[in-house]
C-alpha cells in the first residue's frame, strides 16, 4: 500500500507535513516520468537495432530456404519419375495377368453356359 495525500489528510496530519509530502511525491513522480521516458527512448533504439538484425537473419534464412526448397523439388522430381516408371511396370504386369485370368473366366463361363 502506498501513502497518499488523502491518507494523510484522513488521519489529520498537519498541513505542513501534507504539503511537504505532496512536494516530495511530485518530485518523485517527475523523476520517475523522466526515467521512464529515458528508458522508452533507449528501448526504442535497441528495438530498432534488433529488428534490423532480425531482418538480415530472416533474409538469410529465406534465401537458404529457397535454395533448400529448390534442391528438394529437384530430388523429389527424380524420385517421383522413378516411382512412376516402376508403378507403370508393375501395373502392366497386373493388367497382363488380369487379362489372362479374365480370358480364362470368360472361356469357362461360356463353356458352362453352353452346356446348359
Protein backbone atom coordinates (compact mmCIF):
# COMPACT_ATOMS: atom_id res chain seq x y z
CA UNK A 1 0.00 0.00 0.00
CA UNK A 2 1.27 3.45 -0.92
CA UNK A 3 0.93 6.51 1.25
CA UNK A 4 -1.19 9.24 -0.33
CA UNK A 5 -2.03 12.85 0.43
CA UNK A 6 -5.62 11.77 1.06
CA UNK A 7 -4.48 9.21 3.62
CA UNK A 8 -2.51 11.89 5.47
CA UNK A 9 -5.50 14.22 5.40
CA UNK A 10 -7.86 11.46 6.56
CA UNK A 11 -5.56 10.86 9.53
CA UNK A 12 -5.44 14.61 10.28
CA UNK A 13 -1.76 15.16 9.56
CA UNK A 14 -0.73 18.81 9.89
CA UNK A 15 -0.93 20.79 6.65
CA UNK A 16 2.84 21.48 6.60
CA UNK A 17 3.54 17.74 6.51
CA UNK A 18 0.85 17.12 3.90
CA UNK A 19 2.38 19.90 1.72
CA UNK A 20 5.89 18.52 2.25
CA UNK A 21 4.73 15.01 1.33
CA UNK A 22 2.90 16.34 -1.75
CA UNK A 23 6.05 18.19 -2.89
CA UNK A 24 8.24 15.14 -2.34
CA UNK A 25 5.70 12.97 -4.16
CA UNK A 26 5.54 15.40 -7.12
CA UNK A 27 9.35 15.42 -7.37
CA UNK A 28 9.40 11.62 -7.22
CA UNK A 29 6.73 11.37 -9.93
CA UNK A 30 8.61 13.85 -12.14
CA UNK A 31 11.88 11.92 -11.78
CA UNK A 32 10.05 8.67 -12.38
CA UNK A 33 8.48 10.07 -15.54
CA UNK A 34 11.89 11.29 -16.70
CA UNK A 35 13.47 7.90 -16.04
CA UNK A 36 10.60 6.17 -17.87
CA UNK A 37 10.98 8.48 -20.87
CA UNK A 38 14.72 7.75 -20.97
CA UNK A 39 14.02 4.02 -20.74
CA UNK A 40 11.48 4.18 -23.56
CA UNK A 41 13.89 6.12 -25.79
CA UNK A 42 16.71 3.64 -25.17
CA UNK A 43 14.33 0.72 -25.65
CA UNK A 44 13.14 2.15 -28.97
CA UNK A 45 16.75 2.44 -30.09
CA UNK A 46 17.65 -1.13 -29.21
CA UNK A 47 14.35 -2.39 -30.62
CA UNK A 48 15.18 -0.75 -33.97
CA UNK A 49 18.63 -2.36 -33.87
CA UNK A 50 17.09 -5.73 -33.01
CA UNK A 51 14.58 -5.51 -35.85
CA UNK A 52 17.32 -4.57 -38.33
CA UNK A 53 19.49 -7.50 -37.27
CA UNK A 54 16.50 -9.82 -37.32
CA UNK A 55 15.66 -8.67 -40.87
CA UNK A 56 19.17 -9.63 -42.03
CA UNK A 57 18.90 -13.04 -40.39
CA UNK A 58 15.41 -13.56 -41.86
CA UNK A 59 16.65 -12.67 -45.34
CA UNK A 60 19.48 -15.20 -44.99
CA UNK A 61 17.03 -17.81 -43.76
CA UNK A 62 14.63 -17.11 -46.63
CA UNK A 63 17.45 -17.34 -49.17
CA UNK A 64 18.67 -20.65 -47.76
CA UNK A 65 15.11 -21.90 -47.53
CA UNK A 66 14.51 -21.15 -51.21
CA UNK A 67 17.74 -22.92 -52.11
CA UNK A 68 16.88 -25.93 -49.99
CA UNK A 69 13.36 -26.00 -51.38
CA UNK A 70 14.71 -25.99 -54.94
CA UNK A 71 17.08 -28.83 -54.09
CA UNK A 72 14.22 -30.76 -52.51
CA UNK A 73 12.00 -30.20 -55.55
CA UNK A 74 14.72 -31.43 -57.91
CA UNK A 75 15.33 -34.56 -55.85
CA UNK A 76 11.62 -35.13 -55.43
CA UNK A 77 11.04 -34.98 -59.19
CA UNK A 78 13.74 -37.61 -59.76
CA UNK A 79 12.26 -39.89 -57.10
CA UNK A 80 8.74 -39.36 -58.46
CA UNK A 81 9.83 -40.20 -62.03
CA UNK A 82 11.50 -43.41 -60.80
CA UNK A 83 8.38 -44.31 -58.80
CA UNK A 84 6.06 -43.71 -61.75
CA UNK A 85 8.27 -45.86 -64.01
CA UNK A 86 8.22 -48.75 -61.50
CA UNK A 87 4.48 -48.34 -60.94
CA UNK A 88 3.82 -48.40 -64.69
CA UNK A 89 5.88 -51.59 -64.99
CA UNK A 90 4.01 -53.42 -62.22
CA UNK A 91 0.67 -52.06 -63.46
CA UNK A 92 1.42 -53.50 -66.90
CA UNK A 93 2.18 -56.85 -65.24
CA UNK A 94 -1.08 -56.63 -63.31
CA UNK A 95 -3.08 -55.89 -66.45
CA UNK A 96 -1.38 -58.75 -68.32
CA UNK A 97 -2.17 -61.22 -65.52
CA UNK A 98 -5.68 -59.86 -65.12
CA UNK A 99 -6.32 -60.17 -68.86
CA UNK A 100 -5.23 -63.80 -68.72
CA UNK A 101 -7.50 -64.52 -65.75
CA UNK A 102 -10.37 -62.64 -67.37
CA UNK A 103 -9.92 -64.67 -70.57
CA UNK A 104 -9.96 -67.90 -68.56
CA UNK A 105 -13.06 -66.79 -66.68
CA UNK A 106 -14.90 -65.89 -69.88
CA UNK A 107 -13.91 -69.16 -71.52
CA UNK A 108 -15.10 -71.22 -68.55
CA UNK A 109 -18.27 -69.17 -68.28
CA UNK A 110 -19.04 -69.64 -71.95
CA UNK A 111 -18.37 -73.35 -71.67
CA UNK A 112 -20.60 -73.63 -68.62
CA UNK A 113 -23.41 -71.69 -70.26
CA UNK A 114 -23.08 -73.68 -73.49
CA UNK A 115 -23.57 -76.91 -71.63
CA UNK A 116 -26.83 -75.75 -70.05
